[in-house]
Amino acid sequence: MLDGLYDGPIPRLDTLRRVPSRYHRILPLELMKHYQFLVVGAARGTLTVAITDSRYTSMIILLEKLTGRPIFATLIEPARMRMLIERIERCQYRRYKRLLGRPYYLHRVTLHATIDFLVKSGMQSSLRAKVK
């Protein structure tokens, strides 16, 4: 299946050191860990996916169906794959840790506006009580 995409072997991407954060959440981390692949880029509607084994053709086809985009596969070493997945895990953990202590589903601006509204409405009701 991938033979039609490439004239030769799947290209190698040995210089990859980091995955840009905008690609961390395109697909779930658990899926990437289980199948050992990473989304490392995108251009002209095509996702660039790093894989560890050139025999993962069925996974590439599945990813194309899942994302609705064509996939450009590149090969990286398994050790590099583990390192990159660990970096993404640490990044997501830090992001989660920052959100602790406040509702994670509210954007910071929305949270601020809600608190501001509650404070102002509480002040108005306490002023009304004092006037009566």
N, C-alpha and C. Protein backbone atom coordinates (compact mmCIF):
# COMPACT_ATOMS: atom_id res chain seq x y z
N MET A 1 0.82 -1.19 0.00
CA MET A 1 0.00 0.00 0.00
C MET A 1 0.87 1.26 0.00
N LEU A 2 1.92 1.25 0.82
CA LEU A 2 2.81 2.40 0.84
C LEU A 2 3.71 2.44 -0.39
N ASP A 3 3.78 1.33 -1.10
CA ASP A 3 4.65 1.27 -2.27
C ASP A 3 4.22 2.30 -3.32
N GLY A 4 2.93 2.58 -3.39
CA GLY A 4 2.45 3.56 -4.34
C GLY A 4 2.80 4.98 -3.93
N LEU A 5 3.08 5.19 -2.65
CA LEU A 5 3.42 6.53 -2.16
C LEU A 5 4.88 6.87 -2.38
N TYR A 6 5.75 5.88 -2.37
CA TYR A 6 7.18 6.11 -2.42
C TYR A 6 7.79 5.35 -3.58
N ASP A 7 8.78 5.98 -4.23
CA ASP A 7 9.51 5.31 -5.30
C ASP A 7 10.51 4.33 -4.73
N GLY A 8 10.97 4.58 -3.54
CA GLY A 8 11.96 3.72 -2.90
C GLY A 8 11.52 3.41 -1.48
N PRO A 9 12.50 3.17 -0.62
CA PRO A 9 12.17 2.88 0.78
C PRO A 9 11.62 4.13 1.48
N ILE A 10 10.98 3.90 2.61
CA ILE A 10 10.44 5.01 3.39
C ILE A 10 11.60 5.86 3.89
N PRO A 11 11.51 7.18 3.74
CA PRO A 11 12.63 8.04 4.17
C PRO A 11 12.85 7.98 5.68
N ARG A 12 14.11 8.16 6.07
CA ARG A 12 14.47 8.16 7.49
C ARG A 12 14.52 9.61 7.98
N LEU A 13 14.19 9.77 9.26
CA LEU A 13 14.22 11.09 9.90
C LEU A 13 15.07 10.97 11.16
N ASP A 14 16.36 10.90 10.98
CA ASP A 14 17.28 10.64 12.10
C ASP A 14 17.63 11.89 12.90
N THR A 15 17.28 13.07 12.41
CA THR A 15 17.66 14.30 13.10
C THR A 15 16.55 14.85 13.99
N LEU A 16 15.45 14.15 14.09
CA LEU A 16 14.31 14.63 14.88
C LEU A 16 14.64 14.61 16.37
N ARG A 17 14.56 15.79 17.00
CA ARG A 17 14.86 15.88 18.44
C ARG A 17 13.64 16.25 19.26
N ARG A 18 12.73 16.99 18.68
CA ARG A 18 11.52 17.41 19.39
C ARG A 18 10.34 17.38 18.43
N VAL A 19 9.16 17.17 19.01
CA VAL A 19 7.92 17.23 18.25
C VAL A 19 7.26 18.56 18.59
N PRO A 20 6.99 19.42 17.61
CA PRO A 20 6.35 20.69 17.92
C PRO A 20 5.04 20.48 18.70
N SER A 21 4.79 21.32 19.68
CA SER A 21 3.64 21.13 20.57
C SER A 21 2.31 21.16 19.84
N ARG A 22 2.23 21.83 18.72
CA ARG A 22 0.95 21.87 17.99
C ARG A 22 0.55 20.49 17.45
N TYR A 23 1.49 19.55 17.40
CA TYR A 23 1.18 18.21 16.92
C TYR A 23 0.98 17.19 18.04
N HIS A 24 1.14 17.61 19.29
CA HIS A 24 1.01 16.68 20.42
C HIS A 24 -0.39 16.11 20.56
N ARG A 25 -1.39 16.88 20.22
CA ARG A 25 -2.77 16.46 20.50
C ARG A 25 -3.59 16.13 19.26
N ILE A 26 -2.96 15.98 18.13
CA ILE A 26 -3.71 15.62 16.93
C ILE A 26 -4.33 14.24 17.11
N LEU A 27 -3.57 13.33 17.68
CA LEU A 27 -4.06 11.99 18.01
C LEU A 27 -3.73 11.70 19.47
N PRO A 28 -4.52 10.86 20.14
CA PRO A 28 -4.29 10.60 21.56
C PRO A 28 -2.92 9.98 21.84
N LEU A 29 -2.32 10.40 22.93
CA LEU A 29 -1.01 9.92 23.32
C LEU A 29 -1.01 8.40 23.54
N GLU A 30 -2.07 7.87 24.12
CA GLU A 30 -2.13 6.42 24.37
C GLU A 30 -2.09 5.64 23.06
N LEU A 31 -2.73 6.16 22.03
CA LEU A 31 -2.70 5.51 20.71
C LEU A 31 -1.28 5.56 20.14
N MET A 32 -0.62 6.71 20.28
CA MET A 32 0.74 6.84 19.78
C MET A 32 1.70 5.93 20.53
N LYS A 33 1.51 5.80 21.84
CA LYS A 33 2.37 4.91 22.62
C LYS A 33 2.17 3.46 22.24
N HIS A 34 0.90 3.06 22.09
CA HIS A 34 0.61 1.67 21.79
C HIS A 34 1.16 1.24 20.43
N TYR A 35 0.96 2.07 19.41
CA TYR A 35 1.39 1.71 18.06
C TYR A 35 2.75 2.28 17.68
N GLN A 36 3.39 3.01 18.60
CA GLN A 36 4.72 3.56 18.37
C GLN A 36 4.80 4.40 17.09
N PHE A 37 4.03 5.49 17.08
CA PHE A 37 4.12 6.46 15.99
C PHE A 37 3.94 7.84 16.59
N LEU A 38 4.35 8.87 15.85
CA LEU A 38 4.19 10.26 16.26
C LEU A 38 3.82 11.11 15.07
N VAL A 39 2.94 12.06 15.27
CA VAL A 39 2.67 13.07 14.26
C VAL A 39 3.75 14.13 14.47
N VAL A 40 4.58 14.35 13.47
CA VAL A 40 5.71 15.26 13.62
C VAL A 40 5.62 16.49 12.73
N GLY A 41 4.62 16.53 11.87
CA GLY A 41 4.49 17.69 11.00
C GLY A 41 3.25 17.61 10.14
N ALA A 42 3.00 18.72 9.44
CA ALA A 42 1.88 18.78 8.52
C ALA A 42 2.19 19.83 7.45
N ALA A 43 1.84 19.52 6.23
CA ALA A 43 2.03 20.46 5.12
C ALA A 43 1.04 20.13 4.02
N ARG A 44 0.36 21.16 3.54
CA ARG A 44 -0.59 21.02 2.42
C ARG A 44 -1.61 19.92 2.66
N GLY A 45 -2.09 19.82 3.92
CA GLY A 45 -3.12 18.85 4.23
C GLY A 45 -2.63 17.44 4.47
N THR A 46 -1.32 17.24 4.42
CA THR A 46 -0.74 15.91 4.65
C THR A 46 -0.05 15.89 6.00
N LEU A 47 -0.31 14.85 6.80
CA LEU A 47 0.36 14.70 8.08
C LEU A 47 1.64 13.90 7.89
N THR A 48 2.71 14.35 8.51
CA THR A 48 3.96 13.60 8.53
C THR A 48 3.99 12.80 9.81
N VAL A 49 4.12 11.49 9.68
CA VAL A 49 4.07 10.59 10.82
C VAL A 49 5.37 9.81 10.88
N ALA A 50 5.99 9.81 12.06
CA ALA A 50 7.21 9.02 12.28
C ALA A 50 6.79 7.65 12.82
N ILE A 51 7.35 6.61 12.23
CA ILE A 51 7.08 5.24 12.67
C ILE A 51 8.42 4.54 12.90
N THR A 52 8.37 3.40 13.57
CA THR A 52 9.62 2.68 13.86
C THR A 52 9.84 1.47 12.97
N ASP A 53 8.82 1.06 12.23
CA ASP A 53 8.93 -0.15 11.42
C ASP A 53 8.23 0.08 10.08
N SER A 54 8.92 -0.21 8.99
CA SER A 54 8.35 0.01 7.66
C SER A 54 7.22 -0.97 7.33
N ARG A 55 7.02 -1.97 8.17
CA ARG A 55 5.95 -2.95 7.91
C ARG A 55 4.60 -2.50 8.48
N TYR A 56 4.52 -1.29 9.01
CA TYR A 56 3.27 -0.79 9.62
C TYR A 56 2.32 -0.19 8.58
N THR A 57 2.22 -0.80 7.42
CA THR A 57 1.39 -0.23 6.37
C THR A 57 -0.08 -0.19 6.75
N SER A 58 -0.58 -1.19 7.45
CA SER A 58 -2.00 -1.19 7.82
C SER A 58 -2.30 -0.08 8.83
N MET A 59 -1.33 0.24 9.68
CA MET A 59 -1.53 1.33 10.63
C MET A 59 -1.59 2.67 9.90
N ILE A 60 -0.77 2.86 8.88
CA ILE A 60 -0.77 4.10 8.12
C ILE A 60 -2.12 4.27 7.43
N ILE A 61 -2.64 3.21 6.87
CA ILE A 61 -3.96 3.27 6.21
C ILE A 61 -5.04 3.60 7.23
N LEU A 62 -4.96 2.99 8.41
CA LEU A 62 -5.91 3.28 9.48
C LEU A 62 -5.83 4.74 9.91
N LEU A 63 -4.62 5.28 10.03
CA LEU A 63 -4.45 6.68 10.41
C LEU A 63 -5.03 7.62 9.35
N GLU A 64 -4.87 7.26 8.09
CA GLU A 64 -5.48 8.06 7.02
C GLU A 64 -6.99 8.10 7.15
N LYS A 65 -7.58 6.96 7.46
CA LYS A 65 -9.03 6.92 7.65
C LYS A 65 -9.45 7.69 8.89
N LEU A 66 -8.68 7.56 9.96
CA LEU A 66 -9.00 8.21 11.23
C LEU A 66 -8.91 9.73 11.13
N THR A 67 -7.87 10.24 10.49
CA THR A 67 -7.66 11.68 10.41
C THR A 67 -8.32 12.32 9.19
N GLY A 68 -8.60 11.51 8.18
CA GLY A 68 -9.16 12.06 6.95
C GLY A 68 -8.12 12.81 6.12
N ARG A 69 -6.86 12.58 6.41
CA ARG A 69 -5.77 13.24 5.69
C ARG A 69 -4.79 12.21 5.17
N PRO A 70 -4.11 12.51 4.08
CA PRO A 70 -3.05 11.60 3.63
C PRO A 70 -1.90 11.62 4.63
N ILE A 71 -1.19 10.51 4.73
CA ILE A 71 -0.09 10.36 5.68
C ILE A 71 1.22 10.20 4.90
N PHE A 72 2.22 11.00 5.29
CA PHE A 72 3.57 10.84 4.78
C PHE A 72 4.37 10.20 5.90
N ALA A 73 4.79 8.96 5.72
CA ALA A 73 5.49 8.21 6.77
C ALA A 73 6.99 8.40 6.66
N THR A 74 7.63 8.52 7.83
CA THR A 74 9.08 8.54 7.92
C THR A 74 9.49 7.54 9.00
N LEU A 75 10.70 7.03 8.89
CA LEU A 75 11.21 6.06 9.86
C LEU A 75 12.14 6.74 10.86
N ILE A 76 12.01 6.36 12.14
CA ILE A 76 12.97 6.77 13.15
C ILE A 76 13.33 5.56 13.99
N GLU A 77 14.42 5.66 14.71
CA GLU A 77 14.88 4.56 15.55
C GLU A 77 13.93 4.37 16.74
N PRO A 78 13.71 3.13 17.19
CA PRO A 78 12.83 2.88 18.34
C PRO A 78 13.26 3.64 19.61
N ALA A 79 14.55 3.75 19.85
CA ALA A 79 15.03 4.48 21.04
C ALA A 79 14.64 5.96 20.95
N ARG A 80 14.77 6.54 19.76
CA ARG A 80 14.37 7.94 19.57
C ARG A 80 12.87 8.09 19.73
N MET A 81 12.10 7.12 19.28
CA MET A 81 10.64 7.15 19.42
C MET A 81 10.28 7.18 20.91
N ARG A 82 10.89 6.30 21.69
CA ARG A 82 10.62 6.27 23.14
C ARG A 82 10.96 7.60 23.80
N MET A 83 12.09 8.18 23.42
CA MET A 83 12.50 9.46 23.98
C MET A 83 11.49 10.56 23.64
N LEU A 84 11.04 10.61 22.40
CA LEU A 84 10.10 11.64 21.98
C LEU A 84 8.75 11.46 22.67
N ILE A 85 8.29 10.23 22.80
CA ILE A 85 7.02 9.98 23.49
C ILE A 85 7.13 10.39 24.96
N GLU A 86 8.27 10.11 25.59
CA GLU A 86 8.47 10.54 26.97
C GLU A 86 8.45 12.05 27.10
N ARG A 87 9.03 12.75 26.14
CA ARG A 87 9.00 14.22 26.16
C ARG A 87 7.58 14.75 26.03
N ILE A 88 6.79 14.14 25.17
CA ILE A 88 5.39 14.57 25.02
C ILE A 88 4.63 14.29 26.31
N GLU A 89 4.88 13.13 26.94
CA GLU A 89 4.23 12.82 28.22
C GLU A 89 4.57 13.87 29.28
N ARG A 90 5.85 14.24 29.37
CA ARG A 90 6.24 15.26 30.35
C ARG A 90 5.57 16.60 30.06
N CYS A 91 5.50 16.95 28.80
CA CYS A 91 4.87 18.21 28.41
C CYS A 91 3.39 18.21 28.79
N GLN A 92 2.70 17.11 28.51
CA GLN A 92 1.28 17.03 28.86
C GLN A 92 1.08 16.99 30.37
N TYR A 93 2.00 16.37 31.09
CA TYR A 93 1.91 16.35 32.55
C TYR A 93 2.06 17.76 33.11
N ARG A 94 3.04 18.51 32.59
CA ARG A 94 3.21 19.90 33.05
C ARG A 94 1.98 20.73 32.76
N ARG A 95 1.39 20.54 31.59
CA ARG A 95 0.18 21.28 31.23
C ARG A 95 -0.96 20.91 32.18
N TYR A 96 -1.09 19.64 32.50
CA TYR A 96 -2.13 19.19 33.42
C TYR A 96 -1.88 19.74 34.82
N LYS A 97 -0.62 19.72 35.25
CA LYS A 97 -0.27 20.20 36.58
C LYS A 97 -0.58 21.69 36.73
N ARG A 98 -0.36 22.47 35.68
CA ARG A 98 -0.68 23.90 35.70
C ARG A 98 -2.16 24.13 35.89
N LEU A 99 -2.98 23.21 35.38
CA LEU A 99 -4.43 23.37 35.45
C LEU A 99 -5.01 22.96 36.79
N LEU A 100 -4.23 22.24 37.61
CA LEU A 100 -4.75 21.81 38.91
C LEU A 100 -5.12 23.02 39.75
N GLY A 101 -6.20 22.90 40.50
CA GLY A 101 -6.62 23.99 41.36
C GLY A 101 -7.67 24.88 40.72
N ARG A 102 -7.94 24.68 39.46
CA ARG A 102 -9.01 25.43 38.81
C ARG A 102 -9.69 24.51 37.81
N PRO A 103 -10.93 24.77 37.50
CA PRO A 103 -11.64 23.88 36.56
C PRO A 103 -10.92 23.84 35.21
N TYR A 104 -10.54 22.65 34.78
CA TYR A 104 -9.74 22.52 33.57
C TYR A 104 -10.52 22.83 32.30
N TYR A 105 -11.84 22.77 32.36
CA TYR A 105 -12.61 22.96 31.15
C TYR A 105 -12.92 24.42 30.88
N LEU A 106 -12.56 25.31 31.78
CA LEU A 106 -12.77 26.73 31.56
C LEU A 106 -11.49 27.39 31.08
N HIS A 107 -11.61 28.19 30.06
CA HIS A 107 -10.49 29.00 29.61
C HIS A 107 -10.20 30.04 30.68
N ARG A 108 -8.98 30.47 30.81
CA ARG A 108 -8.59 31.43 31.84
C ARG A 108 -9.45 32.70 31.78
N VAL A 109 -9.72 33.21 30.59
CA VAL A 109 -10.54 34.42 30.45
C VAL A 109 -11.97 34.16 30.91
N THR A 110 -12.51 33.00 30.56
CA THR A 110 -13.87 32.65 30.99
C THR A 110 -13.93 32.53 32.51
N LEU A 111 -12.93 31.92 33.10
CA LEU A 111 -12.88 31.78 34.55
C LEU A 111 -12.82 33.14 35.22
N HIS A 112 -11.98 34.03 34.70
CA HIS A 112 -11.87 35.38 35.26
C HIS A 112 -13.19 36.13 35.17
N ALA A 113 -13.85 36.06 34.02
CA ALA A 113 -15.14 36.74 33.84
C ALA A 113 -16.20 36.18 34.78
N THR A 114 -16.20 34.87 34.99
CA THR A 114 -17.17 34.24 35.90
C THR A 114 -16.94 34.70 37.34
N ILE A 115 -15.68 34.69 37.76
CA ILE A 115 -15.37 35.14 39.12
C ILE A 115 -15.73 36.61 39.30
N ASP A 116 -15.39 37.42 38.31
CA ASP A 116 -15.72 38.84 38.35
C ASP A 116 -17.23 39.05 38.48
N PHE A 117 -18.01 38.30 37.71
CA PHE A 117 -19.47 38.40 37.77
C PHE A 117 -19.98 38.00 39.15
N LEU A 118 -19.46 36.90 39.68
CA LEU A 118 -19.92 36.44 41.00
C LEU A 118 -19.57 37.44 42.10
N VAL A 119 -18.39 38.02 42.02
CA VAL A 119 -17.99 39.00 43.02
C VAL A 119 -18.88 40.23 42.94
N LYS A 120 -19.11 40.72 41.74
CA LYS A 120 -19.93 41.92 41.57
C LYS A 120 -21.37 41.66 41.99
N SER A 121 -21.93 40.51 41.62
CA SER A 121 -23.31 40.22 42.00
C SER A 121 -23.42 40.01 43.50
N GLY A 122 -22.40 39.45 44.13
CA GLY A 122 -22.39 39.29 45.58
C GLY A 122 -22.31 40.62 46.29
N MET A 123 -21.53 41.55 45.73
CA MET A 123 -21.41 42.89 46.32
C MET A 123 -22.73 43.64 46.19
N GLN A 124 -23.40 43.50 45.05
CA GLN A 124 -24.67 44.19 44.85
C GLN A 124 -25.73 43.67 45.81
N SER A 125 -25.78 42.36 46.01
CA SER A 125 -26.78 41.79 46.91
C SER A 125 -26.48 42.18 48.36
N SER A 126 -25.21 42.27 48.74
CA SER A 126 -24.89 42.70 50.11
C SER A 126 -25.20 44.17 50.31
N LEU A 127 -25.04 45.01 49.25
CA LEU A 127 -25.40 46.42 49.35
C LEU A 127 -26.93 46.58 49.49
N ARG A 128 -27.69 45.78 48.78
CA ARG A 128 -29.15 45.82 48.88
C ARG A 128 -29.61 45.45 50.28
N ALA A 129 -28.95 44.46 50.85
CA ALA A 129 -29.31 44.03 52.20
C ALA A 129 -29.04 45.11 53.22
N LYS A 130 -27.94 45.88 53.03
CA LYS A 130 -27.61 46.96 53.94
C LYS A 130 -28.59 48.13 53.83
N VAL A 131 -29.06 48.43 52.60
CA VAL A 131 -29.98 49.53 52.37
C VAL A 131 -31.33 49.24 53.02
N LYS A 132 -31.76 48.00 53.01
CA LYS A 132 -33.05 47.64 53.58
C LYS A 132 -32.94 47.71 55.04
